Protein backbone atom coordinates (compact mmCIF):
# COMPACT_ATOMS: atom_id res chain seq x y z
CA UNK A 1 -42.50 -12.54 22.33
CA UNK A 2 -42.37 -9.82 25.01
CA UNK A 3 -41.51 -6.20 24.16
CA UNK A 4 -38.32 -6.18 25.81
CA UNK A 5 -37.04 -9.18 23.81
CA UNK A 6 -38.38 -7.46 20.51
CA UNK A 7 -36.40 -4.34 21.36
CA UNK A 8 -33.30 -6.30 22.05
CA UNK A 9 -33.62 -8.34 18.77
CA UNK A 10 -34.16 -5.13 16.94
CA UNK A 11 -31.01 -3.61 18.41
CA UNK A 12 -29.02 -6.85 17.57
CA UNK A 13 -30.44 -6.76 14.03
CA UNK A 14 -29.46 -3.00 13.60
CA UNK A 15 -25.94 -3.92 14.70
CA UNK A 16 -25.77 -6.64 12.26
CA UNK A 17 -27.03 -4.24 9.56
CA UNK A 18 -24.11 -1.80 10.33
CA UNK A 19 -21.57 -4.73 9.95
CA UNK A 20 -22.99 -5.79 6.65
CA UNK A 21 -22.75 -2.24 5.54
CA UNK A 22 -19.04 -2.09 6.51
CA UNK A 23 -18.32 -5.47 4.77
CA UNK A 24 -18.39 -3.82 1.45
CA UNK A 25 -15.74 -1.25 2.38
CA UNK A 26 -13.81 -3.65 4.31
CA UNK A 27 -13.23 -5.81 1.30
CA UNK A 28 -12.67 -2.86 -0.89
CA UNK A 29 -10.15 -1.34 1.28
CA UNK A 30 -8.14 -4.61 2.28
CA UNK A 31 -4.32 -4.08 1.96
CA UNK A 32 -4.82 -0.54 0.90
CA UNK A 33 -2.86 2.28 2.57
CA UNK A 34 -4.63 5.07 4.40
CA UNK A 35 -2.43 7.83 5.69
CA UNK A 36 -3.92 9.63 8.78
CA UNK A 37 -2.69 13.04 9.82
CA UNK A 38 -3.17 13.85 13.54
CA UNK A 39 -2.63 17.34 14.64
CA UNK A 40 -4.23 20.49 16.31
CA UNK A 41 -6.47 20.74 19.16
CA UNK A 42 -7.78 17.16 18.70
CA UNK A 43 -4.24 15.95 20.23
CA UNK A 44 -5.06 17.94 23.33
CA UNK A 45 -8.32 16.01 24.01
CA UNK A 46 -7.44 12.65 25.65
CA UNK A 47 -10.73 11.12 25.00
CA UNK A 48 -11.03 12.10 21.27
CA UNK A 49 -7.67 10.73 20.82
CA UNK A 50 -8.31 7.36 22.42
CA UNK A 51 -11.23 6.94 20.18
CA UNK A 52 -9.41 7.76 17.13
CA UNK A 53 -6.59 5.27 18.02
CA UNK A 54 -9.22 2.61 18.64
CA UNK A 55 -10.67 3.24 15.16
CA UNK A 56 -6.94 2.90 13.69
CA UNK A 57 -6.38 -0.39 15.54
CA UNK A 58 -9.73 -1.45 13.86
CA UNK A 59 -8.62 -0.63 10.65
CA UNK A 60 -5.39 -2.51 10.96
CA UNK A 61 -7.37 -5.59 12.36
CA UNK A 62 -9.76 -5.93 9.34
CA UNK A 63 -6.96 -5.72 6.93
CA UNK A 64 -6.28 -1.90 5.99
CA UNK A 65 -2.86 -0.42 6.29
CA UNK A 66 -3.01 2.68 8.38
CA UNK A 67 0.05 5.27 8.67
CA UNK A 68 0.12 7.82 11.13
CA UNK A 69 1.83 11.09 10.59
CA UNK A 70 1.54 13.76 13.41
CA UNK A 71 2.45 17.22 14.61
CA UNK A 72 2.43 18.50 17.88
CA UNK A 73 2.21 22.38 17.86
CA UNK A 74 0.50 23.08 21.09
CA UNK A 75 2.77 20.73 23.20
CA UNK A 76 5.55 22.49 21.30
CA UNK A 77 4.51 25.93 22.03
CA UNK A 78 3.77 24.91 25.78
CA UNK A 79 7.42 23.70 26.17
CA UNK A 80 8.96 26.82 24.41
CA UNK A 81 6.69 28.98 26.91
CA UNK A 82 8.29 26.90 29.70
CA UNK A 83 11.65 27.61 28.41
CA UNK A 84 11.11 31.38 27.88
CA UNK A 85 11.15 31.17 24.26
CA UNK A 86 8.63 33.20 22.27
CA UNK A 87 7.09 31.38 19.10
CA UNK A 88 7.59 33.23 15.88
CA UNK A 89 5.46 32.19 13.07
CA UNK A 90 6.11 33.27 9.58
CA UNK A 91 3.26 32.51 6.90
CA UNK A 92 1.84 29.88 8.78
CA UNK A 93 5.28 28.15 9.48
CA UNK A 94 7.17 28.10 13.03
CA UNK A 95 10.44 29.80 12.52
CA UNK A 96 12.95 27.40 14.20
CA UNK A 97 16.29 28.24 15.48
CA UNK A 98 18.64 26.01 17.21
CA UNK A 99 17.14 26.24 20.61
CA UNK A 100 13.60 25.81 19.22
CA UNK A 101 14.67 22.81 17.17
CA UNK A 102 15.98 21.11 20.39
CA UNK A 103 12.48 21.53 22.08
CA UNK A 104 10.63 20.36 18.64
CA UNK A 105 12.69 17.22 18.47
CA UNK A 106 12.26 16.49 22.21
CA UNK A 107 8.63 16.94 22.14
CA UNK A 108 7.61 15.98 18.58
CA UNK A 109 9.92 13.28 17.55
CA UNK A 110 10.52 11.93 21.35
CA UNK A 111 7.35 12.54 23.78
CA UNK A 112 4.48 12.93 21.30
CA UNK A 113 5.71 10.21 18.99
CA UNK A 114 6.12 7.86 21.89
CA UNK A 115 3.07 8.47 23.41
CA UNK A 116 0.93 7.88 20.30
CA UNK A 117 2.67 4.74 19.77
CA UNK A 118 2.32 3.40 23.31
CA UNK A 119 -1.47 4.28 23.48
CA UNK A 120 -1.87 2.17 20.33
CA UNK A 121 0.04 -0.57 22.07
CA UNK A 122 -2.07 -0.36 25.13
CA UNK A 123 -5.39 -0.87 23.21
CA UNK A 124 -3.91 -4.17 21.84
CA UNK A 125 -2.63 -2.60 18.50
CA UNK A 126 0.93 -2.87 17.51
CA UNK A 127 2.54 0.37 16.67
CA UNK A 128 6.28 1.39 16.04
CA UNK A 129 7.69 4.87 16.20
CA UNK A 130 9.71 5.87 12.98
CA UNK A 131 11.94 8.65 14.36
CA UNK A 132 15.45 9.86 14.66
CA UNK A 133 16.15 7.47 17.49
CA UNK A 134 14.68 4.29 15.87
CA UNK A 135 14.08 4.32 11.98
CA UNK A 136 14.09 7.58 10.19
CA UNK A 137 11.85 7.80 6.96
CA UNK A 138 11.56 11.38 5.94
CA UNK A 139 14.30 13.13 4.28
CA UNK A 140 14.26 16.55 2.83
CA UNK A 141 16.00 20.28 2.56
CA UNK A 142 15.53 23.69 3.95
CA UNK A 143 12.58 25.20 2.83
CA UNK A 144 12.95 28.35 0.74
CA UNK A 145 10.27 30.94 0.75
CA UNK A 146 10.24 34.28 -0.95
CA UNK A 147 9.22 37.71 0.26
CA UNK A 148 6.94 39.89 -1.76
CA UNK A 149 10.09 41.51 -3.17
CA UNK A 150 11.68 38.35 -4.01
CA UNK A 151 14.13 38.27 -1.22
CA UNK A 152 14.61 35.05 0.82
CA UNK A 153 12.75 34.60 4.11
CA UNK A 154 15.05 32.83 6.81
CA UNK A 155 12.89 30.16 8.42
CA UNK A 156 16.04 28.57 10.16
CA UNK A 157 15.65 24.78 10.46
CA UNK A 158 12.37 24.42 8.77
CA UNK A 159 12.23 21.79 5.95
CA UNK A 160 10.29 20.22 3.15
CA UNK A 161 10.08 16.57 2.37
CA UNK A 162 11.82 15.41 -0.83
CA UNK A 163 12.16 11.72 -0.15
CA UNK A 164 10.39 9.13 1.95
CA UNK A 165 11.74 5.88 2.74
CA UNK A 166 8.51 4.17 1.59
CA UNK A 167 9.94 0.49 1.92
CA UNK A 168 10.54 0.72 5.57
CA UNK A 169 6.98 1.92 6.19
CA UNK A 170 5.21 -0.34 3.88
CA UNK A 171 7.63 -3.23 5.43
CA UNK A 172 5.94 -2.35 8.91
CA UNK A 173 2.50 -2.35 7.37
CA UNK A 174 2.82 -5.75 6.00
CA UNK A 175 3.79 -7.13 9.26
CA UNK A 176 0.56 -5.52 10.78
CA UNK A 177 2.21 -2.77 12.57
CA UNK A 178 1.05 0.82 12.56
CA UNK A 179 3.94 3.09 11.61
CA UNK A 180 3.78 6.40 13.82
CA UNK A 181 5.87 9.37 12.07
CA UNK A 182 6.52 12.74 13.54
CA UNK A 183 6.68 15.58 11.02
CA UNK A 184 10.43 16.06 11.03
CA UNK A 185 13.05 15.05 8.65
CA UNK A 186 16.88 14.68 7.91
CA UNK A 187 18.56 16.54 5.27
CA UNK A 188 18.95 14.56 2.36
CA UNK A 189 22.48 15.78 1.68
CA UNK A 190 23.98 13.56 4.25
CA UNK A 191 24.76 16.32 6.43
CA UNK A 192 22.75 15.17 9.47
CA UNK A 193 20.87 18.29 9.92
CA UNK A 194 17.41 17.95 11.40
CA UNK A 195 14.57 19.96 10.00
CA UNK A 196 10.85 20.81 11.18
CA UNK A 197 8.32 19.99 8.93
CA UNK A 198 4.60 21.18 8.61
CA UNK A 199 2.40 18.11 9.39
CA UNK A 200 0.00 18.42 6.63
CA UNK A 201 2.67 18.53 3.86
CA UNK A 202 4.52 15.74 5.82
CA UNK A 203 1.42 13.61 5.48
CA UNK A 204 0.90 14.46 1.91
CA UNK A 205 4.54 13.46 0.97
CA UNK A 206 4.07 10.20 2.76
CA UNK A 207 0.58 9.48 1.09
CA UNK A 208 2.17 10.16 -2.55
CA UNK A 209 5.26 7.96 -1.80
CA UNK A 210 2.95 5.03 -0.61
CA UNK A 211 0.66 5.48 -3.46
CA UNK A 212 -2.07 5.65 -0.76
CA UNK A 213 -5.72 4.96 -1.42
CA UNK A 214 -6.72 7.60 1.13
CA UNK A 215 -5.42 10.68 2.99
CA UNK A 216 -7.36 11.76 6.11
CA UNK A 217 -7.09 15.11 7.68
CA UNK A 218 -8.47 15.14 11.20
CA UNK A 219 -9.93 18.66 12.00
CA UNK A 220 -11.92 20.46 14.39
CA UNK A 221 -14.83 20.89 11.95
CA UNK A 222 -16.89 18.46 10.24
CA UNK A 223 -15.78 19.13 6.87
CA UNK A 224 -16.41 21.45 3.90
CA UNK A 225 -19.68 23.46 4.29
CA UNK A 226 -21.63 25.39 1.91
CA UNK A 227 -22.38 27.82 4.89
CA UNK A 228 -19.35 27.90 7.12
CA UNK A 229 -21.50 28.61 10.12
CA UNK A 230 -24.03 25.96 9.40
CA UNK A 231 -22.79 22.34 10.29
CA UNK A 232 -25.97 21.18 8.74
CA UNK A 233 -24.59 22.20 5.22
CA UNK A 234 -21.91 19.74 5.22
CA UNK A 235 -20.88 18.57 1.77
CA UNK A 236 -20.29 14.81 1.89
CA UNK A 237 -18.61 14.42 -1.41
CA UNK A 238 -16.84 17.04 -3.43
CA UNK A 239 -15.16 16.54 -6.75
CA UNK A 240 -12.15 18.84 -8.15
CA UNK A 241 -14.27 21.24 -10.26
CA UNK A 242 -17.01 21.66 -7.47
CA UNK A 243 -14.04 22.47 -5.23
CA UNK A 244 -12.72 25.30 -7.55
CA UNK A 245 -16.26 26.56 -7.96
CA UNK A 246 -16.73 27.00 -4.18
CA UNK A 247 -13.49 28.56 -3.88
CA UNK A 248 -14.05 31.09 -6.76
CA UNK A 249 -17.50 31.89 -5.26
CA UNK A 250 -15.94 32.39 -1.68
CA UNK A 251 -18.49 29.78 -0.30
CA UNK A 252 -15.58 28.00 1.10
CA UNK A 253 -14.36 30.04 4.13
CA UNK A 254 -10.84 31.60 3.93
CA UNK A 255 -9.17 29.62 6.37
CA UNK A 256 -10.46 26.32 4.72
CA UNK A 257 -9.18 27.40 1.09
CA UNK A 258 -5.33 26.59 1.71
CA UNK A 259 -6.25 23.06 2.82
CA UNK A 260 -8.55 22.30 0.08
CA UNK A 261 -6.01 23.68 -2.48
CA UNK A 262 -3.59 21.27 -0.86
CA UNK A 263 -6.25 18.35 -1.22
CA UNK A 264 -6.68 19.10 -4.96
CA UNK A 265 -2.96 19.04 -5.51
CA UNK A 266 -2.63 15.61 -3.67
CA UNK A 267 -5.24 14.18 -5.85
CA UNK A 268 -3.57 15.49 -8.99
CA UNK A 269 -0.27 13.86 -7.81
CA UNK A 270 -1.93 10.41 -7.41
CA UNK A 271 -3.72 9.91 -4.13
CA UNK A 272 -7.16 8.54 -4.86
CA UNK A 273 -9.39 10.21 -2.17
CA UNK A 274 -8.78 12.91 0.45
CA UNK A 275 -10.93 13.20 3.53
CA UNK A 276 -11.51 16.07 5.91
CA UNK A 277 -13.34 14.98 9.19
CA UNK A 278 -14.16 16.12 12.64
CA UNK A 279 -11.67 14.12 14.94
CA UNK A 280 -13.62 15.15 18.03
CA UNK A 281 -16.75 13.03 16.72
CA UNK A 282 -16.53 9.57 18.52
CA UNK A 283 -15.36 7.08 15.96
CA UNK A 284 -15.33 9.39 13.02
CA UNK A 285 -12.66 7.44 11.13
CA UNK A 286 -14.75 4.28 11.09
CA UNK A 287 -17.98 6.21 10.23
CA UNK A 288 -16.28 8.07 7.48
CA UNK A 289 -14.36 5.02 5.82
CA UNK A 290 -16.99 2.13 6.61
CA UNK A 291 -20.31 3.75 5.89
CA UNK A 292 -21.96 4.75 2.54
CA UNK A 293 -22.52 8.38 3.61
CA UNK A 294 -19.67 9.28 5.97
CA UNK A 295 -19.57 11.97 8.32
CA UNK A 296 -16.97 14.49 6.72
CA UNK A 297 -16.09 15.66 3.25
CA UNK A 298 -14.41 13.25 0.68
CA UNK A 299 -12.55 15.06 -2.20
CA UNK A 300 -12.31 13.05 -5.27
CA UNK A 301 -10.98 13.55 -8.84
CA UNK A 302 -13.45 14.49 -11.68
CA UNK A 303 -14.94 11.56 -13.07
């Protein structure tokens, strides 16, 4: 047998080994819901987005039930700049007046939501937009924040999710459809008021309502690191007590602390695993979910 054929056979065997490794996880996660939060700079990277959406189509094809919840901060800021409106962030939230709300609805719940669903459909998946114009699935109330002196902070049309129409989402999943949900909600008091919602908290609310197996946050870092400046210090698996210890020792960088605390809160409320992965890495979703080691950080409850 020639060297060329040996190399070709070895390559084919290695591919088969990858499939066999994936088989265990494909069987384990069949019919399980995974909520995937898209947002940030990743959504501005067309190539990264294309590979992420291919991963999502693969997940659905092999029996998982992926649900996409997305933000669109950069696109909203660009549209506001074009309209001559200065962004105003208070404690990490975009203060939203009536003019800003119109832009958020058009860009986030309209253009971005449609673009993601259309992109999935172009790569032979089946996606459906779940927004104000089709089927709204997120309901909530105005978010109330307090200043240091106890006085209320007026964020305008900014909300928090209090109710999720889980039946509508799961119904799409059972039909082989990927639901694509923008981070906006309708006021649950029947007033018809529309509210802008933080995408991380919207994804968390959806994951809890669907009793999700996994909640995946796509980031622009490879996960939680013991040394924030060293990608090789990535922690692949982190339990609750270890995470609290790293926060207390300040081993986790300040900007990551709120996200980790939100992940821990999500675990305590019922989601079984939370993942933080670098969405810029090609096929990072598949590598994290269908390989034994993964490429990001999984955060799990203490055993």
